Protein backbone atom coordinates (compact mmCIF):
# COMPACT_ATOMS: atom_id res chain seq x y z
CA UNK A 1 0.00 0.00 0.00
CA UNK A 2 2.95 2.33 0.49
CA UNK A 3 5.07 1.09 -2.41
CA UNK A 4 4.00 3.69 -4.97
CA UNK A 5 4.51 7.30 -3.93
CA UNK A 6 2.39 8.53 -6.85
CA UNK A 7 -0.23 5.88 -7.67
CA UNK A 8 -2.34 6.13 -10.81
CA UNK A 9 -6.07 6.82 -10.59
CA UNK A 10 -6.90 3.12 -11.07
CA UNK A 11 -4.50 2.14 -8.27
CA UNK A 12 -5.98 4.80 -5.97
CA UNK A 13 -9.46 3.48 -6.77
CA UNK A 14 -8.37 -0.07 -5.96
CA UNK A 15 -6.78 1.01 -2.69
CA UNK A 16 -9.94 2.88 -1.73
CA UNK A 17 -11.99 -0.25 -2.37
CA UNK A 18 -9.55 -2.34 -0.32
CA UNK A 19 -9.64 0.09 2.61
CA UNK A 20 -13.44 0.28 2.55
CA UNK A 21 -13.65 -3.51 2.59
CA UNK A 22 -11.19 -3.82 5.47
CA UNK A 23 -12.89 -1.11 7.55
CA UNK A 24 -16.34 -2.58 6.90
CA UNK A 25 -15.25 -5.94 8.34
CA UNK A 26 -14.01 -4.53 11.67
CA UNK A 27 -16.04 -5.81 14.63
CA UNK A 28 -17.45 -3.65 17.40
CA UNK A 29 -14.56 -4.44 19.77
CA UNK A 30 -11.97 -3.18 17.25
CA UNK A 31 -10.80 -6.59 15.99
CA UNK A 32 -11.23 -8.58 12.79
CA UNK A 33 -12.22 -12.25 12.88
CA UNK A 34 -10.26 -15.14 11.40
CA UNK A 35 -11.19 -17.58 8.68
CA UNK A 36 -13.83 -18.90 7.92
CA UNK A 37 -15.82 -15.86 9.09
CA UNK A 38 -13.65 -13.44 7.11
CA UNK A 39 -13.49 -12.85 3.36
CA UNK A 40 -11.07 -11.71 0.73
CA UNK A 41 -8.77 -9.79 0.71
CA UNK A 42 -7.96 -10.60 4.35
CA UNK A 43 -7.16 -14.11 5.58
CA UNK A 44 -5.49 -15.15 8.81
CA UNK A 45 -5.32 -17.99 11.29
CA UNK A 46 -6.57 -16.10 14.34
CA UNK A 47 -8.36 -12.92 15.34
CA UNK A 48 -4.99 -11.57 16.57
CA UNK A 49 -3.31 -12.14 13.20
CA UNK A 50 -6.30 -10.75 11.29
CA UNK A 51 -6.38 -7.63 13.43
CA UNK A 52 -2.64 -7.05 13.08
CA UNK A 53 -2.86 -7.46 9.28
CA UNK A 54 -5.85 -5.13 9.05
CA UNK A 55 -4.14 -2.52 11.24
CA UNK A 56 -1.05 -2.66 9.00
CA UNK A 57 -3.33 -2.17 5.99
CA UNK A 58 -4.96 0.91 7.55
CA UNK A 59 -1.76 2.61 8.73
CA UNK A 60 -0.85 4.33 5.43
CA UNK A 61 -4.32 5.83 4.96
CA UNK A 62 -4.39 6.94 8.59
CA UNK A 63 -1.00 8.64 8.23
CA UNK A 64 -2.24 10.43 5.09
CA UNK A 65 -5.13 12.02 6.98
CA UNK A 66 -8.07 9.64 6.58
CA UNK A 67 -9.99 10.21 9.81
CA UNK A 68 -12.03 7.05 9.28
CA UNK A 69 -8.89 4.94 8.80
CA UNK A 70 -7.26 6.60 11.82
CA UNK A 71 -10.27 5.86 14.02
CA UNK A 72 -10.37 2.26 12.85
CA UNK A 73 -6.62 1.92 13.43
CA UNK A 74 -6.89 3.35 16.97
CA UNK A 75 -9.56 0.75 17.79
CA UNK A 76 -7.41 -2.03 16.31
CA UNK A 77 -4.32 -0.98 18.27
CA UNK A 78 -6.39 -0.80 21.46
CA UNK A 79 -7.66 -4.34 20.82
CA UNK A 80 -4.14 -5.62 20.07
CA UNK A 81 -2.80 -4.06 23.29
CA UNK A 82 -5.56 -5.75 25.30
CA UNK A 83 -5.17 -9.20 23.69
CA UNK A 84 -2.00 -11.27 23.75
CA UNK A 85 -0.23 -12.40 20.57
CA UNK A 86 -1.45 -15.74 19.25
CA UNK A 87 1.95 -17.44 19.12
CA UNK A 88 2.24 -17.31 15.31
CA UNK A 89 5.56 -15.80 14.25
CA UNK A 90 3.99 -13.87 11.34
CA UNK A 91 1.32 -12.44 13.60
CA UNK A 92 3.93 -11.25 16.10
CA UNK A 93 6.09 -9.76 13.33
CA UNK A 94 3.14 -7.87 11.85
CA UNK A 95 2.17 -6.66 15.32
CA UNK A 96 5.68 -5.22 15.74
CA UNK A 97 5.37 -3.45 12.38
CA UNK A 98 2.05 -1.97 13.51
CA UNK A 99 3.68 -0.85 16.78
CA UNK A 100 6.46 0.88 14.83
CA UNK A 101 4.03 2.57 12.42
CA UNK A 102 1.79 3.81 15.22
CA UNK A 103 4.48 4.82 17.73
CA UNK A 104 3.64 2.10 20.27
CA UNK A 105 6.30 0.73 22.63
CA UNK A 106 7.70 -2.51 21.26
C-alpha atoms as a PDB file:
ATOM      1  CA  UNK A   1       0.000   0.000   0.000  1.00  0.00           C
ATOM      2  CA  UNK A   2       2.945   2.331   0.492  1.00  0.00           C
ATOM      3  CA  UNK A   3       5.071   1.088  -2.406  1.00  0.00           C
ATOM      4  CA  UNK A   4       3.997   3.690  -4.967  1.00  0.00           C
ATOM      5  CA  UNK A   5       4.511   7.299  -3.930  1.00  0.00           C
ATOM      6  CA  UNK A   6       2.394   8.525  -6.852  1.00  0.00           C
ATOM      7  CA  UNK A   7      -0.231   5.875  -7.671  1.00  0.00           C
ATOM      8  CA  UNK A   8      -2.340   6.126 -10.807  1.00  0.00           C
ATOM      9  CA  UNK A   9      -6.070   6.822 -10.591  1.00  0.00           C
ATOM     10  CA  UNK A  10      -6.903   3.125 -11.066  1.00  0.00           C
ATOM     11  CA  UNK A  11      -4.498   2.137  -8.268  1.00  0.00           C
ATOM     12  CA  UNK A  12      -5.981   4.804  -5.968  1.00  0.00           C
ATOM     13  CA  UNK A  13      -9.456   3.481  -6.768  1.00  0.00           C
ATOM     14  CA  UNK A  14      -8.370  -0.075  -5.962  1.00  0.00           C
ATOM     15  CA  UNK A  15      -6.780   1.014  -2.693  1.00  0.00           C
ATOM     16  CA  UNK A  16      -9.937   2.879  -1.733  1.00  0.00           C
ATOM     17  CA  UNK A  17     -11.993  -0.254  -2.375  1.00  0.00           C
ATOM     18  CA  UNK A  18      -9.551  -2.337  -0.319  1.00  0.00           C
ATOM     19  CA  UNK A  19      -9.637   0.092   2.614  1.00  0.00           C
ATOM     20  CA  UNK A  20     -13.440   0.278   2.555  1.00  0.00           C
ATOM     21  CA  UNK A  21     -13.650  -3.515   2.587  1.00  0.00           C
ATOM     22  CA  UNK A  22     -11.189  -3.824   5.468  1.00  0.00           C
ATOM     23  CA  UNK A  23     -12.894  -1.114   7.551  1.00  0.00           C
ATOM     24  CA  UNK A  24     -16.345  -2.584   6.898  1.00  0.00           C
ATOM     25  CA  UNK A  25     -15.246  -5.937   8.342  1.00  0.00           C
ATOM     26  CA  UNK A  26     -14.013  -4.526  11.669  1.00  0.00           C
ATOM     27  CA  UNK A  27     -16.043  -5.808  14.627  1.00  0.00           C
ATOM     28  CA  UNK A  28     -17.446  -3.646  17.397  1.00  0.00           C
ATOM     29  CA  UNK A  29     -14.561  -4.439  19.769  1.00  0.00           C
ATOM     30  CA  UNK A  30     -11.967  -3.181  17.250  1.00  0.00           C
ATOM     31  CA  UNK A  31     -10.800  -6.591  15.988  1.00  0.00           C
ATOM     32  CA  UNK A  32     -11.229  -8.580  12.794  1.00  0.00           C
ATOM     33  CA  UNK A  33     -12.219 -12.249  12.879  1.00  0.00           C
ATOM     34  CA  UNK A  34     -10.260 -15.137  11.403  1.00  0.00           C
ATOM     35  CA  UNK A  35     -11.187 -17.577   8.679  1.00  0.00           C
ATOM     36  CA  UNK A  36     -13.828 -18.897   7.919  1.00  0.00           C
ATOM     37  CA  UNK A  37     -15.817 -15.859   9.086  1.00  0.00           C
ATOM     38  CA  UNK A  38     -13.647 -13.443   7.113  1.00  0.00           C
ATOM     39  CA  UNK A  39     -13.493 -12.848   3.358  1.00  0.00           C
ATOM     40  CA  UNK A  40     -11.066 -11.709   0.731  1.00  0.00           C
ATOM     41  CA  UNK A  41      -8.767  -9.787   0.709  1.00  0.00           C
ATOM     42  CA  UNK A  42      -7.961 -10.595   4.354  1.00  0.00           C
ATOM     43  CA  UNK A  43      -7.163 -14.110   5.583  1.00  0.00           C
ATOM     44  CA  UNK A  44      -5.494 -15.154   8.810  1.00  0.00           C
ATOM     45  CA  UNK A  45      -5.321 -17.992  11.293  1.00  0.00           C
ATOM     46  CA  UNK A  46      -6.574 -16.104  14.344  1.00  0.00           C
ATOM     47  CA  UNK A  47      -8.360 -12.920  15.342  1.00  0.00           C
ATOM     48  CA  UNK A  48      -4.993 -11.573  16.572  1.00  0.00           C
ATOM     49  CA  UNK A  49      -3.307 -12.141  13.204  1.00  0.00           C
ATOM     50  CA  UNK A  50      -6.296 -10.754  11.293  1.00  0.00           C
ATOM     51  CA  UNK A  51      -6.382  -7.630  13.435  1.00  0.00           C
ATOM     52  CA  UNK A  52      -2.636  -7.046  13.078  1.00  0.00           C
ATOM     53  CA  UNK A  53      -2.856  -7.463   9.282  1.00  0.00           C
ATOM     54  CA  UNK A  54      -5.848  -5.126   9.047  1.00  0.00           C
ATOM     55  CA  UNK A  55      -4.136  -2.520  11.236  1.00  0.00           C
ATOM     56  CA  UNK A  56      -1.053  -2.662   9.002  1.00  0.00           C
ATOM     57  CA  UNK A  57      -3.330  -2.167   5.993  1.00  0.00           C
ATOM     58  CA  UNK A  58      -4.955   0.907   7.552  1.00  0.00           C
ATOM     59  CA  UNK A  59      -1.758   2.607   8.730  1.00  0.00           C
ATOM     60  CA  UNK A  60      -0.846   4.327   5.427  1.00  0.00           C
ATOM     61  CA  UNK A  61      -4.317   5.830   4.958  1.00  0.00           C
ATOM     62  CA  UNK A  62      -4.394   6.942   8.586  1.00  0.00           C
ATOM     63  CA  UNK A  63      -1.005   8.640   8.228  1.00  0.00           C
ATOM     64  CA  UNK A  64      -2.242  10.429   5.088  1.00  0.00           C
ATOM     65  CA  UNK A  65      -5.126  12.021   6.982  1.00  0.00           C
ATOM     66  CA  UNK A  66      -8.068   9.644   6.578  1.00  0.00           C
ATOM     67  CA  UNK A  67      -9.993  10.210   9.807  1.00  0.00           C
ATOM     68  CA  UNK A  68     -12.031   7.048   9.275  1.00  0.00           C
ATOM     69  CA  UNK A  69      -8.888   4.938   8.798  1.00  0.00           C
ATOM     70  CA  UNK A  70      -7.262   6.601  11.821  1.00  0.00           C
ATOM     71  CA  UNK A  71     -10.274   5.858  14.022  1.00  0.00           C
ATOM     72  CA  UNK A  72     -10.374   2.259  12.848  1.00  0.00           C
ATOM     73  CA  UNK A  73      -6.620   1.916  13.431  1.00  0.00           C
ATOM     74  CA  UNK A  74      -6.893   3.349  16.965  1.00  0.00           C
ATOM     75  CA  UNK A  75      -9.558   0.751  17.794  1.00  0.00           C
ATOM     76  CA  UNK A  76      -7.413  -2.025  16.309  1.00  0.00           C
ATOM     77  CA  UNK A  77      -4.319  -0.982  18.272  1.00  0.00           C
ATOM     78  CA  UNK A  78      -6.390  -0.804  21.459  1.00  0.00           C
ATOM     79  CA  UNK A  79      -7.657  -4.341  20.818  1.00  0.00           C
ATOM     80  CA  UNK A  80      -4.144  -5.616  20.073  1.00  0.00           C
ATOM     81  CA  UNK A  81      -2.804  -4.060  23.289  1.00  0.00           C
ATOM     82  CA  UNK A  82      -5.560  -5.755  25.298  1.00  0.00           C
ATOM     83  CA  UNK A  83      -5.167  -9.197  23.685  1.00  0.00           C
ATOM     84  CA  UNK A  84      -1.997 -11.275  23.753  1.00  0.00           C
ATOM     85  CA  UNK A  85      -0.230 -12.396  20.573  1.00  0.00           C
ATOM     86  CA  UNK A  86      -1.454 -15.740  19.254  1.00  0.00           C
ATOM     87  CA  UNK A  87       1.951 -17.438  19.120  1.00  0.00           C
ATOM     88  CA  UNK A  88       2.240 -17.313  15.311  1.00  0.00           C
ATOM     89  CA  UNK A  89       5.563 -15.795  14.246  1.00  0.00           C
ATOM     90  CA  UNK A  90       3.992 -13.874  11.337  1.00  0.00           C
ATOM     91  CA  UNK A  91       1.316 -12.443  13.601  1.00  0.00           C
ATOM     92  CA  UNK A  92       3.930 -11.254  16.097  1.00  0.00           C
ATOM     93  CA  UNK A  93       6.091  -9.760  13.330  1.00  0.00           C
ATOM     94  CA  UNK A  94       3.137  -7.871  11.849  1.00  0.00           C
ATOM     95  CA  UNK A  95       2.169  -6.656  15.324  1.00  0.00           C
ATOM     96  CA  UNK A  96       5.680  -5.222  15.743  1.00  0.00           C
ATOM     97  CA  UNK A  97       5.372  -3.454  12.378  1.00  0.00           C
ATOM     98  CA  UNK A  98       2.053  -1.968  13.510  1.00  0.00           C
ATOM     99  CA  UNK A  99       3.678  -0.855  16.775  1.00  0.00           C
ATOM    100  CA  UNK A 100       6.460   0.879  14.835  1.00  0.00           C
ATOM    101  CA  UNK A 101       4.032   2.568  12.422  1.00  0.00           C
ATOM    102  CA  UNK A 102       1.787   3.807  15.225  1.00  0.00           C
ATOM    103  CA  UNK A 103       4.479   4.816  17.728  1.00  0.00           C
ATOM    104  CA  UNK A 104       3.643   2.100  20.265  1.00  0.00           C
ATOM    105  CA  UNK A 105       6.304   0.734  22.630  1.00  0.00           C
ATOM    106  CA  UNK A 106       7.698  -2.507  21.258  1.00  0.00           C
END
